[in-house]
Protein backbone atom coordinates (compact mmCIF):
# COMPACT_ATOMS: atom_id res chain seq x y z
CA UNK A 1 -52.13 -66.99 -86.19
CA UNK A 2 -49.59 -66.64 -82.73
CA UNK A 3 -46.99 -64.91 -83.02
CA UNK A 4 -43.60 -66.42 -81.30
CA UNK A 5 -42.13 -63.83 -78.76
CA UNK A 6 -39.07 -62.12 -80.21
CA UNK A 7 -35.54 -63.01 -78.37
CA UNK A 8 -35.90 -59.32 -77.59
CA UNK A 9 -39.03 -59.96 -75.85
CA UNK A 10 -38.02 -63.24 -73.89
CA UNK A 11 -34.56 -61.41 -72.72
CA UNK A 12 -36.57 -58.21 -71.06
CA UNK A 13 -38.68 -60.70 -70.16
CA UNK A 14 -36.06 -62.25 -67.89
CA UNK A 15 -34.80 -59.09 -66.88
CA UNK A 16 -37.85 -58.06 -65.53
CA UNK A 17 -38.69 -61.25 -64.08
CA UNK A 18 -35.27 -61.39 -62.14
CA UNK A 19 -36.06 -57.86 -60.62
CA UNK A 20 -36.92 -56.68 -57.22
CA UNK A 21 -40.53 -55.35 -57.42
CA UNK A 22 -39.03 -52.13 -55.92
CA UNK A 23 -37.24 -51.23 -59.55
CA UNK A 24 -40.55 -51.12 -60.77
CA UNK A 25 -41.70 -47.83 -62.25
CA UNK A 26 -43.88 -46.18 -59.05
CA UNK A 27 -46.78 -43.57 -59.06
CA UNK A 28 -45.85 -39.87 -59.88
CA UNK A 29 -42.72 -41.06 -62.33
CA UNK A 30 -40.11 -41.69 -59.84
CA UNK A 31 -38.26 -44.99 -58.81
CA UNK A 32 -38.04 -46.88 -56.13
CA UNK A 33 -35.81 -44.26 -54.31
CA UNK A 34 -38.35 -41.39 -55.44
CA UNK A 35 -35.64 -40.57 -58.11
CA UNK A 36 -36.27 -39.59 -61.65
CA UNK A 37 -35.16 -37.04 -64.72
CA UNK A 38 -36.85 -34.10 -65.07
CA UNK A 39 -37.94 -33.77 -68.81
CA UNK A 40 -36.77 -30.14 -69.34
CA UNK A 41 -33.72 -29.90 -67.87
CA UNK A 42 -32.20 -33.54 -68.37
CA UNK A 43 -31.61 -33.00 -64.36
CA UNK A 44 -31.78 -35.98 -62.38
CA UNK A 45 -33.09 -35.16 -58.67
CA UNK A 46 -34.73 -37.21 -56.32
CA UNK A 47 -38.08 -36.26 -53.88
CA UNK A 48 -36.59 -38.38 -50.48
CA UNK A 49 -40.85 -38.09 -49.03
CA UNK A 50 -41.88 -39.83 -52.28
CA UNK A 51 -39.34 -42.78 -52.03
CA UNK A 52 -40.78 -46.29 -51.09
CA UNK A 53 -39.68 -46.59 -47.36
CA UNK A 54 -36.01 -48.72 -47.25
CA UNK A 55 -35.78 -52.61 -45.41
CA UNK A 56 -33.35 -51.37 -43.89
CA UNK A 57 -31.66 -48.36 -42.06
CA UNK A 58 -30.20 -45.99 -44.13
CA UNK A 59 -26.14 -45.22 -43.77
CA UNK A 60 -25.37 -42.53 -41.48
CA UNK A 61 -24.49 -39.43 -43.74
CA UNK A 62 -24.45 -36.39 -41.59
CA UNK A 63 -24.11 -33.71 -44.53
CA UNK A 64 -23.91 -33.41 -48.58
CA UNK A 65 -19.93 -34.79 -49.42
CA UNK A 66 -18.35 -32.33 -51.78
CA UNK A 67 -16.13 -33.94 -54.64
CA UNK A 68 -12.43 -32.61 -55.51
CA UNK A 69 -13.83 -31.51 -58.43
CA UNK A 70 -16.92 -29.55 -57.61
CA UNK A 71 -14.65 -26.40 -56.58
CA UNK A 72 -13.62 -26.25 -60.22
CA UNK A 73 -16.96 -26.19 -62.44
CA UNK A 74 -15.64 -24.28 -65.75
CA UNK A 75 -13.02 -27.63 -65.65
CA UNK A 76 -15.67 -30.10 -65.98
CA UNK A 77 -18.69 -30.98 -68.76
CA UNK A 78 -20.28 -32.87 -65.88
CA UNK A 79 -24.47 -32.63 -67.22
CA UNK A 80 -24.93 -30.79 -63.63
CA UNK A 81 -21.12 -29.16 -63.18
CA UNK A 82 -22.10 -26.36 -60.37
CA UNK A 83 -23.99 -28.41 -58.19
CA UNK A 84 -22.35 -30.34 -54.96
CA UNK A 85 -23.12 -33.62 -54.75
CA UNK A 86 -26.55 -34.13 -52.32
CA UNK A 87 -28.02 -36.67 -50.93
CA UNK A 88 -31.50 -38.43 -51.44
CA UNK A 89 -31.93 -41.14 -48.61
CA UNK A 90 -28.96 -42.95 -49.05
CA UNK A 91 -27.94 -41.82 -52.61
CA UNK A 92 -24.67 -39.53 -52.95
CA UNK A 93 -24.24 -36.98 -56.35
CA UNK A 94 -21.15 -37.27 -56.84
CA UNK A 95 -19.61 -34.60 -59.91
CA UNK A 96 -16.82 -35.24 -61.25
CA UNK A 97 -14.71 -33.66 -63.66
CA UNK A 98 -16.56 -34.62 -66.55
CA UNK A 99 -19.48 -37.10 -65.05
CA UNK A 100 -21.35 -37.46 -62.56
CA UNK A 101 -21.94 -40.68 -60.50
CA UNK A 102 -25.43 -41.60 -57.91
CA UNK A 103 -24.01 -43.68 -55.02
CA UNK A 104 -25.86 -46.09 -53.82
CA UNK A 105 -24.63 -45.93 -49.97
CA UNK A 106 -26.10 -49.46 -49.01
CA UNK A 107 -25.04 -51.03 -52.15
CA UNK A 108 -21.99 -49.47 -51.64
CA UNK A 109 -22.02 -49.18 -55.54
CA UNK A 110 -22.91 -46.55 -58.40
CA UNK A 111 -26.38 -46.66 -59.93
CA UNK A 112 -26.33 -44.16 -62.22
CA UNK A 113 -23.94 -42.25 -64.23
CA UNK A 114 -24.40 -39.36 -66.45
CA UNK A 115 -21.87 -37.62 -69.01
CA UNK A 116 -21.75 -35.58 -72.05
CA UNK A 117 -18.90 -36.85 -74.34
CA UNK A 118 -17.85 -34.50 -76.53
CA UNK A 119 -15.25 -34.30 -79.48
CA UNK A 120 -12.11 -36.22 -78.10
CA UNK A 121 -9.42 -33.46 -77.68
CA UNK A 122 -6.79 -35.75 -75.56
CA UNK A 123 -4.28 -38.96 -75.14
CA UNK A 124 -3.04 -39.27 -72.02
CA UNK A 125 -2.54 -42.36 -70.12
CA UNK A 126 -5.19 -44.24 -68.52
CA UNK A 127 -4.84 -43.88 -64.54
CA UNK A 128 -2.90 -47.08 -63.21
CA UNK A 129 -4.02 -47.83 -59.65
CA UNK A 130 -7.70 -47.47 -58.64
CA UNK A 131 -8.26 -46.24 -55.16
CA UNK A 132 -11.43 -45.24 -53.32
CA UNK A 133 -12.74 -41.69 -53.05
CA UNK A 134 -11.38 -39.70 -50.13
CA UNK A 135 -14.23 -37.15 -49.70
CA UNK A 136 -16.99 -40.28 -49.97
CA UNK A 137 -17.90 -41.81 -46.34
CA UNK A 138 -15.83 -45.13 -46.41
CA UNK A 139 -19.21 -46.61 -45.23
CA UNK A 140 -21.24 -45.88 -48.68
CA UNK A 141 -17.65 -47.24 -50.68
CA UNK A 142 -16.68 -50.52 -51.46
CA UNK A 143 -13.85 -52.72 -48.88
CA UNK A 144 -11.35 -52.75 -51.14
CA UNK A 145 -9.36 -51.81 -54.45
CA UNK A 146 -7.92 -54.88 -55.35
CA UNK A 147 -8.96 -57.32 -58.09
CA UNK A 148 -12.41 -59.37 -57.82
CA UNK A 149 -10.88 -62.53 -59.57
CA UNK A 150 -13.87 -65.33 -60.65
CA UNK A 151 -13.45 -64.00 -63.93
CA UNK A 152 -14.50 -60.47 -63.37
CA UNK A 153 -12.63 -56.97 -63.81
CA UNK A 154 -13.21 -54.00 -62.41
CA UNK A 155 -15.77 -52.64 -64.73
CA UNK A 156 -15.69 -48.93 -65.08
CA UNK A 157 -19.69 -47.37 -65.39
CA UNK A 158 -17.99 -43.87 -67.27
CA UNK A 159 -14.88 -45.43 -69.11
CA UNK A 160 -11.48 -43.49 -68.53
CA UNK A 161 -11.12 -43.56 -72.35
CA UNK A 162 -14.14 -40.04 -72.41
CA UNK A 163 -12.35 -38.32 -70.05
CA UNK A 164 -8.59 -38.66 -71.41
CA UNK A 165 -8.73 -34.44 -71.57
CA UNK A 166 -8.12 -34.52 -68.30
CA UNK A 167 -5.63 -35.83 -65.43
CA UNK A 168 -7.67 -35.17 -62.88
CA UNK A 169 -11.11 -36.75 -64.25
CA UNK A 170 -8.97 -40.19 -65.55
CA UNK A 171 -7.68 -40.86 -61.74
CA UNK A 172 -11.34 -39.84 -60.73
CA UNK A 173 -12.88 -42.57 -63.66
CA UNK A 174 -10.38 -45.12 -60.99
CA UNK A 175 -12.62 -44.27 -58.20
CA UNK A 176 -14.20 -47.73 -56.83
CA UNK A 177 -17.31 -45.40 -56.86
CA UNK A 178 -17.18 -45.88 -60.97
CA UNK A 179 -16.34 -49.64 -60.74
CA UNK A 180 -18.62 -52.68 -60.58
CA UNK A 181 -18.05 -56.33 -61.03
CA UNK A 182 -17.96 -57.14 -64.77
CA UNK A 183 -17.70 -60.53 -66.40
CA UNK A 184 -14.55 -60.22 -68.20
CA UNK A 185 -15.91 -61.05 -71.69
CA UNK A 186 -18.90 -58.51 -70.96
CA UNK A 187 -16.94 -55.78 -70.07
CA UNK A 188 -14.36 -55.89 -72.89
CA UNK A 189 -16.85 -57.58 -75.23
CA UNK A 190 -20.74 -55.89 -75.36
CA UNK A 191 -19.88 -52.82 -73.22
CA UNK A 192 -16.69 -52.07 -74.22
CA UNK A 193 -18.53 -51.94 -77.87
CA UNK A 194 -20.93 -49.33 -76.74
CA UNK A 195 -17.64 -47.48 -75.66
CA UNK A 196 -16.26 -47.01 -78.75
CA UNK A 197 -19.61 -46.24 -80.71
CA UNK A 198 -19.62 -43.49 -78.53
CA UNK A 199 -16.04 -42.72 -79.18
CA UNK A 200 -16.50 -42.43 -82.60
CA UNK A 201 -19.93 -40.65 -82.57
CA UNK A 202 -18.41 -37.59 -80.20
CA UNK A 203 -16.39 -36.56 -82.75
CA UNK A 204 -19.10 -35.99 -84.80
CA UNK A 205 -21.44 -33.77 -82.48
CA UNK A 206 -21.84 -34.00 -78.84
CA UNK A 207 -23.79 -37.20 -77.15
CA UNK A 208 -25.66 -37.60 -73.70
CA UNK A 209 -24.41 -40.62 -72.17
CA UNK A 210 -26.80 -41.96 -69.50
CA UNK A 211 -26.60 -45.36 -67.74
CA UNK A 212 -27.10 -47.86 -64.85
CA UNK A 213 -27.41 -51.07 -62.80
CA UNK A 214 -30.13 -53.39 -62.84
CA UNK A 215 -28.71 -55.42 -59.67
CA UNK A 216 -31.35 -58.37 -60.09
CA UNK A 217 -31.92 -60.72 -57.37
CA UNK A 218 -28.97 -63.98 -58.21
CA UNK A 219 -27.46 -64.46 -55.25
CA UNK A 220 -25.10 -67.16 -57.56
CA UNK A 221 -22.62 -65.02 -58.27
CA UNK A 222 -22.98 -62.82 -55.21
CA UNK A 223 -18.75 -63.50 -54.89
CA UNK A 224 -17.50 -60.23 -53.87
CA UNK A 225 -20.14 -59.48 -50.97
CA UNK A 226 -17.16 -60.54 -48.36
CA UNK A 227 -14.09 -58.99 -50.01
CA UNK A 228 -16.02 -55.89 -51.44
CA UNK A 229 -19.40 -55.46 -49.58
CA UNK A 230 -21.07 -55.21 -53.33
CA UNK A 231 -23.29 -57.45 -54.83
CA UNK A 232 -22.90 -58.76 -58.36
CA UNK A 233 -25.54 -56.51 -60.89
CA UNK A 234 -27.51 -58.85 -63.57
CA UNK A 235 -27.19 -56.77 -66.31
CA UNK A 236 -26.27 -52.89 -67.10
CA UNK A 237 -28.09 -50.50 -69.24
CA UNK A 238 -27.01 -47.10 -71.01
CA UNK A 239 -28.54 -44.60 -73.80
CA UNK A 240 -26.92 -42.16 -76.11
CA UNK A 241 -29.33 -39.50 -77.20
CA UNK A 242 -27.20 -37.80 -80.20
CA UNK A 243 -29.06 -34.35 -81.79
CA UNK A 244 -31.72 -31.98 -80.95
CA UNK A 245 -35.57 -31.62 -81.55
CA UNK A 246 -36.93 -33.20 -84.43
CA UNK A 247 -32.94 -34.31 -85.06
CA UNK A 248 -33.01 -35.97 -81.93
CA UNK A 249 -32.00 -39.72 -82.35
CA UNK A 250 -31.08 -42.06 -79.26
CA UNK A 251 -29.76 -45.73 -79.12
CA UNK A 252 -30.52 -48.33 -75.94
CA UNK A 253 -28.85 -51.78 -74.43
CA UNK A 254 -29.61 -53.29 -71.94
CA UNK A 255 -26.43 -55.84 -71.17
CA UNK A 256 -26.40 -59.16 -68.90
CA UNK A 257 -23.95 -59.32 -67.23
CA UNK A 258 -22.86 -62.83 -68.54
CA UNK A 259 -20.04 -63.98 -70.93
CA UNK A 260 -22.35 -64.15 -74.21
CA UNK A 261 -22.49 -60.46 -73.94
CA UNK A 262 -19.83 -60.48 -76.35
CA UNK A 263 -19.15 -57.71 -79.18
CA UNK A 264 -20.93 -59.84 -81.87
CA UNK A 265 -23.87 -60.51 -80.10
CA UNK A 266 -24.35 -56.18 -78.93
CA UNK A 267 -27.73 -55.75 -81.35
CA UNK A 268 -29.04 -58.79 -79.08
CA UNK A 269 -29.28 -56.18 -76.35
CA UNK A 270 -31.28 -53.69 -77.99
CA UNK A 271 -34.14 -52.20 -76.82
CA UNK A 272 -36.20 -48.87 -77.25
CA UNK A 273 -36.34 -46.38 -74.45
CA UNK A 274 -39.81 -46.79 -73.79
CA UNK A 275 -39.52 -49.93 -72.81
CA UNK A 276 -36.36 -49.41 -71.10
CA UNK A 277 -38.13 -46.20 -69.00
CA UNK A 278 -40.69 -49.04 -67.67
CA UNK A 279 -37.87 -51.62 -67.01
CA UNK A 280 -36.37 -48.88 -64.61
CA UNK A 281 -38.84 -46.89 -63.49
CA UNK A 282 -37.43 -43.41 -64.76
CA UNK A 283 -38.18 -40.87 -67.46
CA UNK A 284 -35.44 -40.44 -70.21
CA UNK A 285 -34.61 -37.34 -71.59
CA UNK A 286 -35.84 -38.06 -74.90
CA UNK A 287 -37.79 -36.36 -77.12
CA UNK A 288 -41.06 -38.48 -77.29
CA UNK A 289 -41.21 -39.24 -80.79
CA UNK A 290 -38.08 -41.20 -80.66
CA UNK A 291 -38.77 -43.21 -77.64
CA UNK A 292 -40.42 -46.08 -79.47
CA UNK A 293 -37.42 -46.57 -82.15
CA UNK A 294 -35.52 -49.72 -81.66
CA UNK A 295 -32.74 -49.86 -84.73
CA UNK A 296 -32.10 -53.01 -86.30
CA UNK A 297 -28.53 -52.73 -85.25
CA UNK A 298 -26.44 -50.85 -83.47
CA UNK A 299 -24.47 -48.06 -84.35
CA UNK A 300 -21.90 -48.90 -87.19
CA UNK A 301 -18.36 -47.94 -86.43
CA UNK A 302 -17.56 -45.34 -89.15
CA UNK A 303 -14.41 -46.42 -91.36
CA UNK A 304 -11.31 -45.07 -90.06
CA UNK A 305 -12.34 -44.39 -86.69
CA UNK A 306 -9.91 -44.33 -84.23
CA UNK A 307 -11.55 -46.18 -80.83
CA UNK A 308 -8.41 -45.86 -78.74
């Protein structure tokens, strides 16, 4: 008897079909930008000589840009807190306090983020204003810090709530280098639920959080190219890793940038780490034995967890 494809399989095929060819895996385990994650160290880095040739000239960036937090690595828990941002073709690696963002100058937006979520030790209020990063070239950033409109939020890649022990980190989380257009129902729905799960489980043990964007090729919702210079992503992905060695566990989602991506629908977007690697063309620092596991449901919110 022929098996009918599952809803997850159909979602994965749809996203794969929407992706440009440059987003798929390349020889040598690097993505289109010539970047990959080192299995042993967990460090994401790039090999410009192995990148796919750009179809348009890269923005002119004369030297590495040093982030404001690079002078105080002891205060940062970023994945590579001691490294200054580096340039690989048109990507900037920005080490902020408590998180790292990779910025695509051609797209004028963040394409990847990474941080360690440790036990919550702060409750500082979120910064009110969105700003450009003064240490990053303007040609790499969005034109405007204003609200997007059209039913889209200024969606954080790394949420401010996970950084509320540092005023500097909270301010940096509101840089437009950490912001992309997210449908309001998705940003306050399924995407927020992943943040709530992290908020609860970070109090049990440190979590390694990695995520990024799937731009796709749907021009119908690219409302903000004129106002902000940035396309609207088709989807976002996120991986949460807990434990080490034989006790390591991971959970991953690919969340469509759609009004249907509500909290109640989050489980529909679960994906195995192995399938996610094929989708994004990147090797993720997850134990091989855990890469084919896909939970039947997202990690539940423990009773009494303070999500705020």
